[in-house]
Structures are given as C-alpha cells and as structure tokens.
All heavy atoms as atom14 arrays in JSON, in Angstrom:
{
  "sequence": "FDDIEAARSWLIGDPRCSGTVGVIGFCMGGGLAASLATVDAELAG",
  "atom14_mask": [
    [1, 1, 1, 1, 1, 1, 1, 1, 1, 1, 1, 0, 0, 0],
    [1, 1, 1, 1, 1, 1, 1, 1, 0, 0, 0, 0, 0, 0],
    [1, 1, 1, 1, 1, 1, 1, 1, 0, 0, 0, 0, 0, 0],
    [1, 1, 1, 1, 1, 1, 1, 1, 0, 0, 0, 0, 0, 0],
    [1, 1, 1, 1, 1, 1, 1, 1, 1, 0, 0, 0, 0, 0],
    [1, 1, 1, 1, 1, 0, 0, 0, 0, 0, 0, 0, 0, 0],
    [1, 1, 1, 1, 1, 0, 0, 0, 0, 0, 0, 0, 0, 0],
    [1, 1, 1, 1, 1, 1, 1, 1, 1, 1, 1, 0, 0, 0],
    [1, 1, 1, 1, 1, 1, 0, 0, 0, 0, 0, 0, 0, 0],
    [1, 1, 1, 1, 1, 1, 1, 1, 1, 1, 1, 1, 1, 1],
    [1, 1, 1, 1, 1, 1, 1, 1, 0, 0, 0, 0, 0, 0],
    [1, 1, 1, 1, 1, 1, 1, 1, 0, 0, 0, 0, 0, 0],
    [1, 1, 1, 1, 0, 0, 0, 0, 0, 0, 0, 0, 0, 0],
    [1, 1, 1, 1, 1, 1, 1, 1, 0, 0, 0, 0, 0, 0],
    [1, 1, 1, 1, 1, 1, 1, 0, 0, 0, 0, 0, 0, 0],
    [1, 1, 1, 1, 1, 1, 1, 1, 1, 1, 1, 0, 0, 0],
    [1, 1, 1, 1, 1, 1, 0, 0, 0, 0, 0, 0, 0, 0],
    [1, 1, 1, 1, 1, 1, 0, 0, 0, 0, 0, 0, 0, 0],
    [1, 1, 1, 1, 0, 0, 0, 0, 0, 0, 0, 0, 0, 0],
    [1, 1, 1, 1, 1, 1, 1, 0, 0, 0, 0, 0, 0, 0],
    [1, 1, 1, 1, 1, 1, 1, 0, 0, 0, 0, 0, 0, 0],
    [1, 1, 1, 1, 0, 0, 0, 0, 0, 0, 0, 0, 0, 0],
    [1, 1, 1, 1, 1, 1, 1, 0, 0, 0, 0, 0, 0, 0],
    [1, 1, 1, 1, 1, 1, 1, 1, 0, 0, 0, 0, 0, 0],
    [1, 1, 1, 1, 0, 0, 0, 0, 0, 0, 0, 0, 0, 0],
    [1, 1, 1, 1, 1, 1, 1, 1, 1, 1, 1, 0, 0, 0],
    [1, 1, 1, 1, 1, 1, 0, 0, 0, 0, 0, 0, 0, 0],
    [1, 1, 1, 1, 1, 1, 1, 1, 0, 0, 0, 0, 0, 0],
    [1, 1, 1, 1, 0, 0, 0, 0, 0, 0, 0, 0, 0, 0],
    [1, 1, 1, 1, 0, 0, 0, 0, 0, 0, 0, 0, 0, 0],
    [1, 1, 1, 1, 0, 0, 0, 0, 0, 0, 0, 0, 0, 0],
    [1, 1, 1, 1, 1, 1, 1, 1, 0, 0, 0, 0, 0, 0],
    [1, 1, 1, 1, 1, 0, 0, 0, 0, 0, 0, 0, 0, 0],
    [1, 1, 1, 1, 1, 0, 0, 0, 0, 0, 0, 0, 0, 0],
    [1, 1, 1, 1, 1, 1, 0, 0, 0, 0, 0, 0, 0, 0],
    [1, 1, 1, 1, 1, 1, 1, 1, 0, 0, 0, 0, 0, 0],
    [1, 1, 1, 1, 1, 0, 0, 0, 0, 0, 0, 0, 0, 0],
    [1, 1, 1, 1, 1, 1, 1, 0, 0, 0, 0, 0, 0, 0],
    [1, 1, 1, 1, 1, 1, 1, 0, 0, 0, 0, 0, 0, 0],
    [1, 1, 1, 1, 1, 1, 1, 1, 0, 0, 0, 0, 0, 0],
    [1, 1, 1, 1, 1, 0, 0, 0, 0, 0, 0, 0, 0, 0],
    [1, 1, 1, 1, 1, 1, 1, 1, 1, 0, 0, 0, 0, 0],
    [1, 1, 1, 1, 1, 1, 1, 1, 0, 0, 0, 0, 0, 0],
    [1, 1, 1, 1, 1, 0, 0, 0, 0, 0, 0, 0, 0, 0],
    [1, 1, 1, 1, 0, 0, 0, 0, 0, 0, 0, 0, 0, 0]
  ],
  "atom14_positions": [
    [[51.03, -18.77, -56.86], [49.69, -18.23, -56.6], [49.54, -17.78, -55.15], [48.78, -16.85, -54.86], [48.62, -19.26, -56.99], [48.4, -19.32, -58.46], [49.07, -20.25, -59.24], [47.56, -18.43, -59.09], [48.88, -20.3, -60.61], [47.37, -18.46, -60.46], [48.04, -19.41, -61.22], [0.0, 0.0, 0.0], [0.0, 0.0, 0.0], [0.0, 0.0, 0.0]],
    [[50.28, -18.42, -54.22], [50.29, -17.94, -52.84], [50.8, -16.52, -52.77], [50.24, -15.66, -52.08], [51.17, -18.84, -51.96], [50.53, -20.18, -51.65], [49.3, -20.3, -51.84], [51.25, -21.09, -51.21], [0.0, 0.0, 0.0], [0.0, 0.0, 0.0], [0.0, 0.0, 0.0], [0.0, 0.0, 0.0], [0.0, 0.0, 0.0], [0.0, 0.0, 0.0]],
    [[51.88, -16.23, -53.51], [52.45, -14.88, -53.51], [51.51, -13.86, -54.14], [51.36, -12.73, -53.66], [53.79, -14.86, -54.25], [54.91, -15.52, -53.46], [54.75, -15.7, -52.24], [55.95, -15.86, -54.07], [0.0, 0.0, 0.0], [0.0, 0.0, 0.0], [0.0, 0.0, 0.0], [0.0, 0.0, 0.0], [0.0, 0.0, 0.0], [0.0, 0.0, 0.0]],
    [[50.87, -14.25, -55.25], [49.94, -13.34, -55.91], [48.72, -13.08, -55.03], [48.27, -11.94, -54.88], [49.51, -13.9, -57.28], [50.73, -14.0, -58.22], [48.45, -13.01, -57.92], [50.44, -14.77, -59.5], [0.0, 0.0, 0.0], [0.0, 0.0, 0.0], [0.0, 0.0, 0.0], [0.0, 0.0, 0.0], [0.0, 0.0, 0.0], [0.0, 0.0, 0.0]],
    [[48.18, -14.14, -54.43], [47.04, -13.98, -53.53], [47.41, -13.16, -52.3], [46.6, -12.39, -51.78], [46.5, -15.34, -53.11], [45.7, -16.05, -54.2], [44.32, -15.45, -54.39], [44.04, -14.36, -53.84], [43.52, -16.06, -55.1], [0.0, 0.0, 0.0], [0.0, 0.0, 0.0], [0.0, 0.0, 0.0], [0.0, 0.0, 0.0], [0.0, 0.0, 0.0]],
    [[48.65, -13.32, -51.83], [49.1, -12.52, -50.68], [49.14, -11.04, -51.04], [48.8, -10.18, -50.21], [50.47, -13.0, -50.21], [0.0, 0.0, 0.0], [0.0, 0.0, 0.0], [0.0, 0.0, 0.0], [0.0, 0.0, 0.0], [0.0, 0.0, 0.0], [0.0, 0.0, 0.0], [0.0, 0.0, 0.0], [0.0, 0.0, 0.0], [0.0, 0.0, 0.0]],
    [[49.54, -10.73, -52.28], [49.54, -9.34, -52.72], [48.12, -8.79, -52.78], [47.85, -7.65, -52.37], [50.22, -9.22, -54.08], [0.0, 0.0, 0.0], [0.0, 0.0, 0.0], [0.0, 0.0, 0.0], [0.0, 0.0, 0.0], [0.0, 0.0, 0.0], [0.0, 0.0, 0.0], [0.0, 0.0, 0.0], [0.0, 0.0, 0.0], [0.0, 0.0, 0.0]],
    [[47.18, -9.61, -53.29], [45.78, -9.16, -53.33], [45.24, -8.97, -51.92], [44.54, -7.99, -51.64], [44.92, -10.16, -54.1], [43.5, -9.65, -54.35], [42.65, -10.69, -55.06], [42.31, -11.8, -54.21], [41.32, -11.8, -53.31], [40.57, -10.72, -53.15], [41.08, -12.86, -52.58], [0.0, 0.0, 0.0], [0.0, 0.0, 0.0], [0.0, 0.0, 0.0]],
    [[45.55, -9.9, -51.03], [45.08, -9.79, -49.64], [45.67, -8.56, -48.97], [44.98, -7.89, -48.18], [45.46, -11.05, -48.86], [44.79, -12.18, -49.37], [0.0, 0.0, 0.0], [0.0, 0.0, 0.0], [0.0, 0.0, 0.0], [0.0, 0.0, 0.0], [0.0, 0.0, 0.0], [0.0, 0.0, 0.0], [0.0, 0.0, 0.0], [0.0, 0.0, 0.0]],
    [[46.93, -8.27, -49.29], [47.56, -7.08, -48.71], [46.8, -5.82, -49.16], [46.53, -4.93, -48.34], [49.02, -6.99, -49.14], [49.76, -5.89, -48.44], [50.51, -5.97, -47.31], [49.78, -4.5, -48.83], [51.0, -4.73, -46.95], [50.56, -3.81, -47.88], [49.22, -3.77, -49.88], [50.81, -2.43, -47.95], [49.44, -2.4, -49.96], [50.23, -1.75, -49.0]],
    [[46.45, -5.78, -50.43], [45.71, -4.63, -50.94], [44.38, -4.48, -50.23], [44.02, -3.39, -49.77], [45.48, -4.78, -52.45], [46.65, -4.46, -53.37], [46.36, -4.94, -54.79], [46.96, -2.97, -53.36], [0.0, 0.0, 0.0], [0.0, 0.0, 0.0], [0.0, 0.0, 0.0], [0.0, 0.0, 0.0], [0.0, 0.0, 0.0], [0.0, 0.0, 0.0]],
    [[43.64, -5.57, -50.12], [42.31, -5.52, -49.5], [42.4, -5.06, -48.05], [41.53, -4.35, -47.55], [41.62, -6.89, -49.61], [41.26, -7.17, -51.07], [40.36, -6.94, -48.75], [40.72, -8.54, -51.31], [0.0, 0.0, 0.0], [0.0, 0.0, 0.0], [0.0, 0.0, 0.0], [0.0, 0.0, 0.0], [0.0, 0.0, 0.0], [0.0, 0.0, 0.0]],
    [[43.48, -5.44, -47.38], [43.64, -5.08, -45.99], [44.18, -3.69, -45.74], [44.2, -3.22, -44.6], [0.0, 0.0, 0.0], [0.0, 0.0, 0.0], [0.0, 0.0, 0.0], [0.0, 0.0, 0.0], [0.0, 0.0, 0.0], [0.0, 0.0, 0.0], [0.0, 0.0, 0.0], [0.0, 0.0, 0.0], [0.0, 0.0, 0.0], [0.0, 0.0, 0.0]],
    [[44.63, -3.02, -46.81], [45.19, -1.68, -46.64], [44.06, -0.64, -46.69], [43.23, -0.68, -47.6], [46.21, -1.4, -47.75], [47.0, -0.14, -47.49], [46.49, 0.97, -47.78], [48.14, -0.23, -46.98], [0.0, 0.0, 0.0], [0.0, 0.0, 0.0], [0.0, 0.0, 0.0], [0.0, 0.0, 0.0], [0.0, 0.0, 0.0], [0.0, 0.0, 0.0]],
    [[44.02, 0.3, -45.76], [42.93, 1.28, -45.73], [42.9, 2.2, -46.95], [41.87, 2.83, -47.21], [43.19, 2.07, -44.45], [44.62, 1.84, -44.13], [44.94, 0.47, -44.61], [0.0, 0.0, 0.0], [0.0, 0.0, 0.0], [0.0, 0.0, 0.0], [0.0, 0.0, 0.0], [0.0, 0.0, 0.0], [0.0, 0.0, 0.0], [0.0, 0.0, 0.0]],
    [[43.99, 2.24, -47.7], [44.01, 3.08, -48.91], [43.31, 2.4, -50.08], [43.12, 3.03, -51.13], [45.46, 3.41, -49.29], [46.15, 4.33, -48.3], [47.64, 4.4, -48.53], [48.29, 3.12, -48.22], [49.61, 2.93, -48.16], [50.42, 3.97, -48.4], [50.11, 1.75, -47.86], [0.0, 0.0, 0.0], [0.0, 0.0, 0.0], [0.0, 0.0, 0.0]],
    [[42.95, 1.12, -49.92], [42.29, 0.37, -50.99], [40.79, 0.33, -50.76], [40.32, 0.13, -49.63], [42.86, -1.05, -51.05], [42.16, -2.07, -52.37], [0.0, 0.0, 0.0], [0.0, 0.0, 0.0], [0.0, 0.0, 0.0], [0.0, 0.0, 0.0], [0.0, 0.0, 0.0], [0.0, 0.0, 0.0], [0.0, 0.0, 0.0], [0.0, 0.0, 0.0]],
    [[40.04, 0.46, -51.83], [38.57, 0.44, -51.76], [38.03, -0.96, -51.5], [36.85, -1.11, -51.18], [37.99, 0.97, -53.07], [38.29, 0.07, -54.15], [0.0, 0.0, 0.0], [0.0, 0.0, 0.0], [0.0, 0.0, 0.0], [0.0, 0.0, 0.0], [0.0, 0.0, 0.0], [0.0, 0.0, 0.0], [0.0, 0.0, 0.0], [0.0, 0.0, 0.0]],
    [[38.86, -1.98, -51.66], [38.41, -3.36, -51.52], [38.15, -4.05, -52.83], [37.96, -5.26, -52.88], [0.0, 0.0, 0.0], [0.0, 0.0, 0.0], [0.0, 0.0, 0.0], [0.0, 0.0, 0.0], [0.0, 0.0, 0.0], [0.0, 0.0, 0.0], [0.0, 0.0, 0.0], [0.0, 0.0, 0.0], [0.0, 0.0, 0.0], [0.0, 0.0, 0.0]],
    [[38.14, -3.29, -53.92], [37.99, -3.85, -55.26], [39.37, -4.0, -55.88], [40.14, -3.04, -55.94], [37.13, -2.94, -56.14], [35.86, -2.77, -55.53], [36.95, -3.56, -57.52], [0.0, 0.0, 0.0], [0.0, 0.0, 0.0], [0.0, 0.0, 0.0], [0.0, 0.0, 0.0], [0.0, 0.0, 0.0], [0.0, 0.0, 0.0], [0.0, 0.0, 0.0]],
    [[39.7, -5.21, -56.35], [41.05, -5.49, -56.84], [40.99, -6.22, -58.18], [40.22, -7.16, -58.36], [41.84, -6.34, -55.82], [43.22, -6.69, -56.38], [41.98, -5.59, -54.5], [0.0, 0.0, 0.0], [0.0, 0.0, 0.0], [0.0, 0.0, 0.0], [0.0, 0.0, 0.0], [0.0, 0.0, 0.0], [0.0, 0.0, 0.0], [0.0, 0.0, 0.0]],
    [[41.83, -5.76, -59.1], [42.03, -6.43, -60.38], [43.47, -6.88, -60.5], [44.28, -6.68, -59.6], [0.0, 0.0, 0.0], [0.0, 0.0, 0.0], [0.0, 0.0, 0.0], [0.0, 0.0, 0.0], [0.0, 0.0, 0.0], [0.0, 0.0, 0.0], [0.0, 0.0, 0.0], [0.0, 0.0, 0.0], [0.0, 0.0, 0.0], [0.0, 0.0, 0.0]],
    [[43.78, -7.49, -61.64], [45.14, -7.99, -61.86], [45.53, -7.72, -63.3], [44.69, -7.73, -64.2], [45.23, -9.5, -61.53], [44.33, -10.32, -62.45], [46.67, -10.01, -61.59], [0.0, 0.0, 0.0], [0.0, 0.0, 0.0], [0.0, 0.0, 0.0], [0.0, 0.0, 0.0], [0.0, 0.0, 0.0], [0.0, 0.0, 0.0], [0.0, 0.0, 0.0]],
    [[46.83, -7.46, -63.5], [47.37, -7.28, -64.84], [48.71, -7.99, -64.89], [49.45, -8.01, -63.9], [47.54, -5.77, -65.18], [48.02, -5.57, -66.61], [48.49, -5.08, -64.21], [48.03, -4.11, -67.05], [0.0, 0.0, 0.0], [0.0, 0.0, 0.0], [0.0, 0.0, 0.0], [0.0, 0.0, 0.0], [0.0, 0.0, 0.0], [0.0, 0.0, 0.0]],
    [[49.0, -8.63, -66.03], [50.27, -9.33, -66.15], [50.79, -9.27, -67.57], [50.03, -9.06, -68.53], [0.0, 0.0, 0.0], [0.0, 0.0, 0.0], [0.0, 0.0, 0.0], [0.0, 0.0, 0.0], [0.0, 0.0, 0.0], [0.0, 0.0, 0.0], [0.0, 0.0, 0.0], [0.0, 0.0, 0.0], [0.0, 0.0, 0.0], [0.0, 0.0, 0.0]],
    [[52.1, -9.51, -67.7], [52.79, -9.38, -68.98], [53.55, -10.67, -69.3], [54.32, -11.17, -68.47], [53.76, -8.2, -68.93], [53.08, -6.91, -68.56], [52.91, -6.56, -67.22], [52.56, -6.08, -69.54], [52.26, -5.38, -66.87], [51.9, -4.9, -69.2], [51.75, -4.56, -67.86], [0.0, 0.0, 0.0], [0.0, 0.0, 0.0], [0.0, 0.0, 0.0]],
    [[53.31, -11.22, -70.5], [53.95, -12.45, -70.94], [53.64, -13.56, -69.94], [52.48, -13.91, -69.75], [55.45, -12.22, -71.13], [56.33, -13.6, -71.89], [0.0, 0.0, 0.0], [0.0, 0.0, 0.0], [0.0, 0.0, 0.0], [0.0, 0.0, 0.0], [0.0, 0.0, 0.0], [0.0, 0.0, 0.0], [0.0, 0.0, 0.0], [0.0, 0.0, 0.0]],
    [[54.64, -14.13, -69.28], [54.37, -15.12, -68.24], [53.35, -14.6, -67.24], [52.42, -15.31, -66.84], [55.67, -15.46, -67.51], [55.51, -16.4, -66.34], [57.01, -16.44, -65.31], [56.79, -14.91, -64.37], [0.0, 0.0, 0.0], [0.0, 0.0, 0.0], [0.0, 0.0, 0.0], [0.0, 0.0, 0.0], [0.0, 0.0, 0.0], [0.0, 0.0, 0.0]],
    [[53.49, -13.34, -66.86], [52.56, -12.73, -65.91], [51.17, -12.57, -66.47], [50.19, -12.6, -65.73], [0.0, 0.0, 0.0], [0.0, 0.0, 0.0], [0.0, 0.0, 0.0], [0.0, 0.0, 0.0], [0.0, 0.0, 0.0], [0.0, 0.0, 0.0], [0.0, 0.0, 0.0], [0.0, 0.0, 0.0], [0.0, 0.0, 0.0], [0.0, 0.0, 0.0]],
    [[51.07, -12.39, -67.78], [49.75, -12.3, -68.4], [49.0, -13.62, -68.29], [47.8, -13.65, -67.99], [0.0, 0.0, 0.0], [0.0, 0.0, 0.0], [0.0, 0.0, 0.0], [0.0, 0.0, 0.0], [0.0, 0.0, 0.0], [0.0, 0.0, 0.0], [0.0, 0.0, 0.0], [0.0, 0.0, 0.0], [0.0, 0.0, 0.0], [0.0, 0.0, 0.0]],
    [[49.73, -14.73, -68.53], [49.12, -16.04, -68.36], [48.71, -16.29, -66.93], [47.65, -16.87, -66.66], [0.0, 0.0, 0.0], [0.0, 0.0, 0.0], [0.0, 0.0, 0.0], [0.0, 0.0, 0.0], [0.0, 0.0, 0.0], [0.0, 0.0, 0.0], [0.0, 0.0, 0.0], [0.0, 0.0, 0.0], [0.0, 0.0, 0.0], [0.0, 0.0, 0.0]],
    [[49.55, -15.84, -65.99], [49.21, -16.0, -64.57], [48.0, -15.16, -64.19], [47.16, -15.59, -63.39], [50.42, -15.62, -63.7], [51.59, -16.6, -63.73], [52.8, -15.99, -63.04], [51.22, -17.92, -63.08], [0.0, 0.0, 0.0], [0.0, 0.0, 0.0], [0.0, 0.0, 0.0], [0.0, 0.0, 0.0], [0.0, 0.0, 0.0], [0.0, 0.0, 0.0]],
    [[47.91, -13.96, -64.76], [46.74, -13.1, -64.48], [45.46, -13.77, -64.94], [44.45, -13.8, -64.22], [46.92, -11.74, -65.16], [0.0, 0.0, 0.0], [0.0, 0.0, 0.0], [0.0, 0.0, 0.0], [0.0, 0.0, 0.0], [0.0, 0.0, 0.0], [0.0, 0.0, 0.0], [0.0, 0.0, 0.0], [0.0, 0.0, 0.0], [0.0, 0.0, 0.0]],
    [[45.48, -14.32, -66.15], [44.29, -15.01, -66.66], [44.0, -16.27, -65.85], [42.84, -16.59, -65.57], [44.48, -15.36, -68.14], [0.0, 0.0, 0.0], [0.0, 0.0, 0.0], [0.0, 0.0, 0.0], [0.0, 0.0, 0.0], [0.0, 0.0, 0.0], [0.0, 0.0, 0.0], [0.0, 0.0, 0.0], [0.0, 0.0, 0.0], [0.0, 0.0, 0.0]],
    [[45.04, -16.97, -65.45], [44.86, -18.18, -64.63], [44.31, -17.84, -63.26], [43.51, -18.6, -62.7], [46.19, -18.93, -64.5], [46.58, -19.5, -65.72], [0.0, 0.0, 0.0], [0.0, 0.0, 0.0], [0.0, 0.0, 0.0], [0.0, 0.0, 0.0], [0.0, 0.0, 0.0], [0.0, 0.0, 0.0], [0.0, 0.0, 0.0], [0.0, 0.0, 0.0]],
    [[44.75, -16.71, -62.71], [44.25, -16.31, -61.4], [42.74, -16.13, -61.43], [42.04, -16.44, -60.45], [44.93, -15.01, -60.94], [44.6, -14.56, -59.52], [45.17, -15.54, -58.49], [45.16, -13.16, -59.26], [0.0, 0.0, 0.0], [0.0, 0.0, 0.0], [0.0, 0.0, 0.0], [0.0, 0.0, 0.0], [0.0, 0.0, 0.0], [0.0, 0.0, 0.0]],
    [[42.23, -15.65, -62.55], [40.78, -15.45, -62.68], [40.01, -16.77, -62.6], [38.82, -16.77, -62.29], [40.47, -14.74, -63.99], [0.0, 0.0, 0.0], [0.0, 0.0, 0.0], [0.0, 0.0, 0.0], [0.0, 0.0, 0.0], [0.0, 0.0, 0.0], [0.0, 0.0, 0.0], [0.0, 0.0, 0.0], [0.0, 0.0, 0.0], [0.0, 0.0, 0.0]],
    [[40.69, -17.9, -62.83], [40.01, -19.19, -62.76], [39.95, -19.74, -61.34], [39.23, -20.72, -61.09], [40.69, -20.24, -63.66], [41.96, -20.61, -63.1], [40.88, -19.72, -65.07], [0.0, 0.0, 0.0], [0.0, 0.0, 0.0], [0.0, 0.0, 0.0], [0.0, 0.0, 0.0], [0.0, 0.0, 0.0], [0.0, 0.0, 0.0], [0.0, 0.0, 0.0]],
    [[40.72, -19.15, -60.42], [40.76, -19.69, -59.05], [40.38, -18.66, -57.99], [40.18, -19.02, -56.83], [42.16, -20.26, -58.72], [42.48, -21.44, -59.62], [43.25, -19.2, -58.83], [0.0, 0.0, 0.0], [0.0, 0.0, 0.0], [0.0, 0.0, 0.0], [0.0, 0.0, 0.0], [0.0, 0.0, 0.0], [0.0, 0.0, 0.0], [0.0, 0.0, 0.0]],
    [[40.27, -17.39, -58.37], [39.98, -16.33, -57.4], [38.66, -15.67, -57.76], [38.58, -14.84, -58.66], [41.11, -15.31, -57.39], [40.97, -14.27, -56.27], [39.85, -14.1, -55.76], [41.97, -13.63, -55.92], [0.0, 0.0, 0.0], [0.0, 0.0, 0.0], [0.0, 0.0, 0.0], [0.0, 0.0, 0.0], [0.0, 0.0, 0.0], [0.0, 0.0, 0.0]],
    [[37.61, -16.03, -57.03], [36.27, -15.51, -57.33], [36.1, -14.06, -56.93], [35.09, -13.44, -57.28], [35.22, -16.37, -56.63], [0.0, 0.0, 0.0], [0.0, 0.0, 0.0], [0.0, 0.0, 0.0], [0.0, 0.0, 0.0], [0.0, 0.0, 0.0], [0.0, 0.0, 0.0], [0.0, 0.0, 0.0], [0.0, 0.0, 0.0], [0.0, 0.0, 0.0]],
    [[37.08, -13.49, -56.21], [36.95, -12.12, -55.73], [37.55, -11.09, -56.68], [37.39, -9.89, -56.47], [37.6, -11.99, -54.35], [37.03, -12.91, -53.29], [35.54, -12.7, -53.09], [35.11, -11.54, -53.05], [34.81, -13.69, -53.0], [0.0, 0.0, 0.0], [0.0, 0.0, 0.0], [0.0, 0.0, 0.0], [0.0, 0.0, 0.0], [0.0, 0.0, 0.0]],
    [[38.25, -11.53, -57.7], [38.84, -10.59, -58.65], [37.76, -9.82, -59.39], [36.74, -10.39, -59.78], [39.7, -11.32, -59.67], [41.15, -11.66, -59.32], [41.8, -12.34, -60.51], [41.94, -10.42, -58.91], [0.0, 0.0, 0.0], [0.0, 0.0, 0.0], [0.0, 0.0, 0.0], [0.0, 0.0, 0.0], [0.0, 0.0, 0.0], [0.0, 0.0, 0.0]],
    [[38.01, -8.53, -59.64], [37.05, -7.71, -60.37], [37.36, -7.65, -61.86], [36.49, -7.29, -62.66], [37.02, -6.3, -59.79], [0.0, 0.0, 0.0], [0.0, 0.0, 0.0], [0.0, 0.0, 0.0], [0.0, 0.0, 0.0], [0.0, 0.0, 0.0], [0.0, 0.0, 0.0], [0.0, 0.0, 0.0], [0.0, 0.0, 0.0], [0.0, 0.0, 0.0]],
    [[38.57, -7.99, -62.26], [38.94, -7.95, -63.67], [40.38, -8.38, -63.84], [41.21, -8.17, -62.95], [0.0, 0.0, 0.0], [0.0, 0.0, 0.0], [0.0, 0.0, 0.0], [0.0, 0.0, 0.0], [0.0, 0.0, 0.0], [0.0, 0.0, 0.0], [0.0, 0.0, 0.0], [0.0, 0.0, 0.0], [0.0, 0.0, 0.0], [0.0, 0.0, 0.0]]
  ]
}
C-alpha cells in the first residue's frame, strides 16, 4: 500500500494531473484496488 499510495501521490504532485485520482486493478490488483478504497479517503473511484 506504500507503493500504491506513492503512485497516487506522484500523480497528484505532477502538474499534468488535475488532482483527481482513481484506481483500477486486475485479479490480485483488483482486490488491492477495492481494498485501497477502504483506507484512502481521497480516491475518486
């Protein structure tokens, strides 16, 4: 989750990003995406 949150933080800090961030995952990553929504209040979807 540190690595995933670091990726989200990188996006938010990049001027090419609007500041709104979602997540998508596949299989293991799909479970992690859904789990991230339980700990990250800033996710948009």
